[in-house]
Amino acid sequence: MTEHSSMSRCGEAHEVVRQALVAAREELGPNLRSAYTLGSLAHGGFAPLVSDVDLALIVVDPDIATRVDRVKAVVSSRTTSALADRLSVFWADVDGVHNGIGDVGRLPELDRLDLLESGVVLHGDDIRFGATPPVHDDLIVQAAEFALRKFDAAFRRALRAPTELVADGVRAVTKAVLFPVRFGYTLETGAIGRNDDAASWYTGRGREVVAAAMRWRVAGIRDESEAIVLLKRHLVALYVEFVDAYCLRLAAAGHQQVAAELAQWGEQLGSPGSG
């Protein structure tokens, strides 16, 4: 991808955010307090081939999941950009931004930290003053819980089948490679695992495939055979490293249940017959 086309796709991403904000104003009206761009569009590193388009809505009533779904549907109907399918909307009320969300809303602690550190105000007041940043322990627990939800049996099968994973495209491949590296960075530093930072930090056995994934994010996978070889050699090992490191830290911090569930996930990953 040329620099010009990359800049053009970044412009597309900002247009998707603009359309989402228009739709949110229409749908939520005075219930919409503020809005922020999050993720790589806010803090840098947006890769048009693979990155999500992240938007956070700060609302008066955080129990609005169905209305957020309507916002996303409206955006999809109003734009032909493929990036509309990657729109990821987070939401919370002011208290959720300041102290972490309760039973309603969608703003995990890592994304709340991203909002506090790098969010770009698009609408309304900047309500971050006085917020309490997430603690490291909560980031670790939520990362493990996310992994247990996200990395299901189908995902485990994909990790052991690099040919099929490559057939799913560069977005699927790079996310699979960089997920455990980003989690590892957060575990070690307590900071957001941004792709560039996490890849530079990582010194494990999978350095070769991590470096390749960073190239693929920008240029795509030009040699699928090479990619399959690298994934077959390193991908499962990346997840074994992730599981081992997280289980140790979780158990030491008193989160034995999550540690046990993650350890079981790791055992299933190493057993092809279990899925």
Protein backbone atom coordinates (compact mmCIF):
# COMPACT_ATOMS: atom_id res chain seq x y z
CA MET A 1 0.00 0.00 0.00
CA THR A 2 1.42 3.39 -1.02
CA GLU A 3 1.68 6.31 1.40
CA HIS A 4 -0.96 8.18 -0.61
CA SER A 5 -3.45 5.29 -0.50
CA SER A 6 -2.78 4.80 3.21
CA MET A 7 -3.54 8.46 3.91
CA SER A 8 -6.68 8.16 1.80
CA ARG A 9 -7.90 5.17 3.83
CA CYS A 10 -7.17 7.08 7.06
CA GLY A 11 -9.40 9.80 5.67
CA GLU A 12 -12.05 7.13 5.07
CA ALA A 13 -11.76 6.02 8.68
CA HIS A 14 -12.26 9.57 9.96
CA GLU A 15 -15.28 9.88 7.67
CA VAL A 16 -16.74 6.69 9.19
CA VAL A 17 -16.27 8.24 12.64
CA ARG A 18 -17.92 11.45 11.46
CA GLN A 19 -20.90 9.51 10.11
CA ALA A 20 -21.11 7.56 13.37
CA LEU A 21 -21.17 10.78 15.37
CA VAL A 22 -23.95 12.21 13.18
CA ALA A 23 -25.95 9.01 13.67
CA ALA A 24 -25.29 9.05 17.42
CA ARG A 25 -26.55 12.62 17.71
CA GLU A 26 -29.69 11.67 15.78
CA GLU A 27 -30.31 8.53 17.81
CA LEU A 28 -29.32 9.71 21.29
CA GLY A 29 -30.10 13.43 21.20
CA PRO A 30 -29.47 15.08 24.59
CA ASN A 31 -28.51 11.68 26.03
CA LEU A 32 -25.15 12.09 24.22
CA ARG A 33 -22.81 14.00 26.54
CA SER A 34 -19.45 13.65 24.73
CA ALA A 35 -17.73 11.59 22.06
CA TYR A 36 -14.09 10.60 21.54
CA THR A 37 -11.99 8.90 18.92
CA LEU A 38 -10.05 6.02 20.48
CA GLY A 39 -7.46 3.49 19.38
CA SER A 40 -4.93 3.94 16.64
CA LEU A 41 -6.92 6.74 14.98
CA ALA A 42 -6.37 8.74 18.17
CA HIS A 43 -2.91 7.72 19.34
CA GLY A 44 -1.34 6.84 15.98
CA GLY A 45 -0.44 3.65 14.15
CA PHE A 46 -3.68 3.23 12.18
CA ALA A 47 -3.20 0.52 9.55
CA PRO A 48 -5.96 0.71 6.92
CA LEU A 49 -5.69 -2.98 6.04
CA VAL A 50 -6.38 -4.25 9.55
CA SER A 51 -7.18 -1.60 12.19
CA ASP A 52 -10.51 -1.08 13.92
CA VAL A 53 -12.26 2.29 13.83
CA ASP A 54 -12.90 3.08 17.51
CA LEU A 55 -15.42 5.56 18.89
CA ALA A 56 -16.43 6.18 22.52
CA LEU A 57 -19.80 7.72 23.39
CA ILE A 58 -20.28 9.28 26.83
CA VAL A 59 -23.97 9.19 27.63
CA VAL A 60 -26.38 10.15 30.38
CA ASP A 61 -27.99 6.70 30.49
CA PRO A 62 -25.48 3.91 29.76
CA ASP A 63 -28.19 1.27 29.22
CA ILE A 64 -28.37 1.92 25.48
CA ALA A 65 -26.95 -1.19 23.79
CA THR A 66 -29.76 -1.52 21.26
CA ARG A 67 -29.52 2.16 20.35
CA VAL A 68 -25.79 1.81 19.74
CA ASP A 69 -26.56 -1.10 17.41
CA ARG A 70 -28.88 1.21 15.49
CA VAL A 71 -26.10 3.81 15.22
CA LYS A 72 -23.82 1.21 13.64
CA ALA A 73 -26.57 0.08 11.27
CA VAL A 74 -27.16 3.66 10.14
CA VAL A 75 -23.44 4.13 9.42
CA SER A 76 -23.37 0.96 7.33
CA SER A 77 -26.37 2.19 5.34
CA ARG A 78 -24.87 5.62 4.66
CA THR A 79 -21.36 4.73 3.53
CA THR A 80 -19.89 2.31 1.05
CA SER A 81 -16.55 2.20 2.87
CA ALA A 82 -15.49 -1.26 3.97
CA LEU A 83 -14.12 0.42 7.10
CA ALA A 84 -17.69 0.87 8.33
CA ASP A 85 -17.70 -2.85 9.12
CA ARG A 86 -14.77 -2.23 11.49
CA LEU A 87 -16.53 0.48 13.49
CA SER A 88 -16.25 -0.42 17.17
CA VAL A 89 -18.38 1.69 19.51
CA PHE A 90 -17.71 1.91 23.25
CA TRP A 91 -20.00 3.69 25.68
CA ALA A 92 -20.26 4.65 29.33
CA ASP A 93 -21.57 7.44 31.52
CA VAL A 94 -19.27 9.98 33.20
CA ASP A 95 -18.94 7.84 36.32
CA GLY A 96 -17.96 4.89 34.15
CA VAL A 97 -15.18 6.95 32.57
CA HIS A 98 -13.99 8.19 35.97
CA ASN A 99 -14.21 4.96 37.96
CA GLY A 100 -14.85 2.03 35.62
CA ILE A 101 -18.21 0.82 34.39
CA GLY A 102 -20.66 -1.23 36.41
CA ASP A 103 -23.32 -3.54 35.02
CA VAL A 104 -24.11 -1.54 31.89
CA GLY A 105 -22.00 0.09 29.22
CA ARG A 106 -19.07 -1.11 27.17
CA LEU A 107 -15.73 0.40 28.14
CA PRO A 108 -13.23 -2.21 29.34
CA GLU A 109 -10.44 -0.92 31.55
CA LEU A 110 -7.80 -1.01 28.81
CA ASP A 111 -10.03 1.07 26.54
CA ARG A 112 -10.86 3.39 29.44
CA LEU A 113 -7.12 3.91 29.91
CA ASP A 114 -6.80 4.63 26.20
CA LEU A 115 -9.60 7.21 26.46
CA LEU A 116 -7.97 8.89 29.46
CA GLU A 117 -4.53 9.01 27.87
CA SER A 118 -5.18 9.53 24.17
CA GLY A 119 -8.87 10.05 23.39
CA VAL A 120 -9.62 12.91 21.01
CA VAL A 121 -12.75 14.92 21.81
CA LEU A 122 -15.17 15.04 18.88
CA HIS A 123 -18.32 16.29 20.60
CA GLY A 124 -19.34 17.90 23.87
CA ASP A 125 -17.22 18.50 26.94
CA ASP A 126 -13.99 16.77 27.85
CA ILE A 127 -15.14 14.94 30.98
CA ARG A 128 -11.85 13.22 31.86
CA PHE A 129 -10.72 15.62 34.61
CA GLY A 130 -10.76 13.89 37.99
CA ALA A 131 -10.86 10.35 36.56
CA THR A 132 -9.06 7.56 38.41
CA PRO A 133 -6.91 5.50 35.98
CA PRO A 134 -7.34 1.71 35.96
CA VAL A 135 -5.02 -0.25 38.22
CA HIS A 136 -2.58 -2.73 36.71
CA ASP A 137 -4.21 -5.74 38.36
CA ASP A 138 -7.60 -4.95 36.79
CA LEU A 139 -6.01 -4.64 33.35
CA ILE A 140 -4.47 -8.09 33.74
CA VAL A 141 -7.66 -9.76 34.94
CA GLN A 142 -9.75 -8.21 32.17
CA ALA A 143 -7.19 -9.20 29.53
CA ALA A 144 -7.36 -12.80 30.72
CA GLU A 145 -11.17 -12.73 30.79
CA PHE A 146 -11.23 -11.25 27.29
CA ALA A 147 -8.95 -14.03 26.08
CA LEU A 148 -11.19 -16.69 27.58
CA ARG A 149 -14.20 -15.20 25.76
CA LYS A 150 -12.50 -14.44 22.48
CA PHE A 151 -10.21 -17.43 22.06
CA ASP A 152 -12.82 -20.15 21.71
CA ALA A 153 -12.49 -23.64 20.22
CA ALA A 154 -12.72 -22.28 16.65
CA PHE A 155 -9.92 -19.82 17.41
CA ARG A 156 -7.75 -22.59 18.87
CA ARG A 157 -8.27 -24.64 15.72
CA ALA A 158 -7.26 -21.63 13.61
CA LEU A 159 -4.01 -21.26 15.57
CA ARG A 160 -3.10 -24.82 14.61
CA ALA A 161 -4.17 -24.41 10.97
CA PRO A 162 -2.08 -21.58 9.50
CA THR A 163 -3.09 -22.34 5.91
CA GLU A 164 -6.74 -21.69 6.75
CA LEU A 165 -5.80 -18.68 8.88
CA VAL A 166 -3.91 -17.08 5.99
CA ALA A 167 -6.90 -17.76 3.74
CA ASP A 168 -8.99 -15.68 6.15
CA GLY A 169 -6.86 -12.65 5.28
CA VAL A 170 -4.25 -10.32 6.70
CA ARG A 171 -6.52 -8.89 9.38
CA ALA A 172 -7.17 -12.32 10.90
CA VAL A 173 -3.50 -13.25 10.73
CA THR A 174 -2.05 -10.10 12.26
CA LYS A 175 -4.59 -9.99 15.06
CA ALA A 176 -3.84 -13.63 15.90
CA VAL A 177 -0.10 -12.95 16.04
CA LEU A 178 -0.23 -9.65 17.91
CA PHE A 179 -2.95 -10.35 20.48
CA PRO A 180 -0.66 -12.30 22.87
CA VAL A 181 2.20 -9.86 22.36
CA ARG A 182 0.04 -6.88 23.24
CA PHE A 183 -1.32 -8.69 26.28
CA GLY A 184 2.21 -9.53 27.34
CA TYR A 185 3.23 -5.90 27.07
CA THR A 186 0.34 -4.86 29.31
CA LEU A 187 1.22 -7.59 31.78
CA GLU A 188 4.82 -6.39 31.98
CA THR A 189 4.31 -2.63 31.90
CA GLY A 190 0.73 -1.83 32.93
CA ALA A 191 0.44 0.23 29.74
CA ILE A 192 -1.75 -0.13 26.67
CA GLY A 193 -0.35 -2.75 24.30
CA ARG A 194 -0.17 -0.62 21.19
CA ASN A 195 1.14 -2.66 18.29
CA ASP A 196 4.37 -0.72 17.69
CA ASP A 197 5.26 -0.55 21.38
CA ALA A 198 4.42 -4.19 22.03
CA ALA A 199 6.31 -5.48 19.00
CA SER A 200 9.40 -3.43 19.93
CA TRP A 201 9.22 -4.70 23.52
CA TYR A 202 8.80 -8.38 22.64
CA THR A 203 11.98 -10.49 22.84
CA GLY A 204 10.50 -14.00 22.98
CA ARG A 205 10.95 -16.96 20.68
CA GLY A 206 8.38 -15.68 18.19
CA ARG A 207 10.27 -12.50 17.27
CA GLU A 208 10.43 -13.49 13.60
CA VAL A 209 6.68 -13.87 13.13
CA VAL A 210 5.95 -10.77 15.23
CA ALA A 211 8.21 -8.67 13.01
CA ALA A 212 6.56 -10.18 9.95
CA ALA A 213 3.09 -9.39 11.31
CA MET A 214 4.05 -5.75 11.72
CA ARG A 215 5.08 -5.67 8.05
CA TRP A 216 1.91 -7.46 6.98
CA ARG A 217 -0.24 -4.88 8.80
CA VAL A 218 1.03 -2.23 6.41
CA ALA A 219 1.85 -4.04 3.17
CA GLY A 220 -0.32 -7.14 3.28
CA ILE A 221 0.87 -10.73 2.99
CA ARG A 222 2.82 -10.92 -0.24
CA ASP A 223 4.23 -14.43 0.21
CA GLU A 224 1.56 -16.69 1.67
CA SER A 225 3.86 -19.74 1.72
CA GLU A 226 6.40 -17.88 3.87
CA ALA A 227 3.64 -16.67 6.16
CA ILE A 228 2.31 -20.20 6.64
CA VAL A 229 5.78 -21.47 7.55
CA LEU A 230 6.30 -18.69 10.10
CA LEU A 231 2.87 -19.20 11.64
CA LYS A 232 3.32 -22.96 11.86
CA ARG A 233 6.68 -22.47 13.55
CA HIS A 234 5.77 -19.75 16.05
CA LEU A 235 2.06 -19.02 16.51
CA VAL A 236 1.08 -21.65 19.08
CA ALA A 237 4.29 -20.92 21.02
CA LEU A 238 3.26 -17.25 21.31
CA TYR A 239 0.06 -18.30 23.05
CA VAL A 240 1.86 -20.74 25.31
CA GLU A 241 4.10 -17.86 26.44
CA PHE A 242 1.05 -15.68 27.02
CA VAL A 243 -0.77 -18.34 29.04
CA ASP A 244 2.26 -19.20 31.17
CA ALA A 245 3.04 -15.58 32.02
CA TYR A 246 -0.55 -14.64 32.80
CA CYS A 247 -1.24 -17.72 34.90
CA LEU A 248 1.76 -17.00 37.10
CA ARG A 249 0.77 -13.38 37.64
CA LEU A 250 -2.92 -14.12 38.17
CA ALA A 251 -2.25 -16.84 40.70
CA ALA A 252 0.26 -14.69 42.58
CA ALA A 253 -2.32 -11.88 42.76
CA GLY A 254 -4.98 -14.18 44.19
CA HIS A 255 -7.03 -14.70 41.01
CA GLN A 256 -6.83 -18.48 41.10
CA GLN A 257 -10.11 -19.12 39.30
CA VAL A 258 -9.20 -17.06 36.23
CA ALA A 259 -5.68 -18.54 36.31
CA ALA A 260 -7.11 -22.06 36.37
CA GLU A 261 -9.47 -21.36 33.48
CA LEU A 262 -6.66 -19.86 31.42
CA ALA A 263 -4.38 -22.80 32.21
CA GLN A 264 -7.11 -25.17 31.02
CA TRP A 265 -7.41 -23.14 27.82
CA GLY A 266 -3.66 -23.57 27.31
CA GLU A 267 -3.94 -27.33 27.82
CA GLN A 268 -6.73 -27.47 25.22
CA LEU A 269 -4.58 -25.51 22.78
CA GLY A 270 -1.88 -28.16 23.09
CA SER A 271 -4.37 -30.99 22.52
CA PRO A 272 -5.52 -31.02 18.85
CA GLY A 273 -8.37 -33.41 19.54
CA SER A 274 -10.02 -31.00 21.98
CA GLY A 275 -10.57 -28.19 19.47
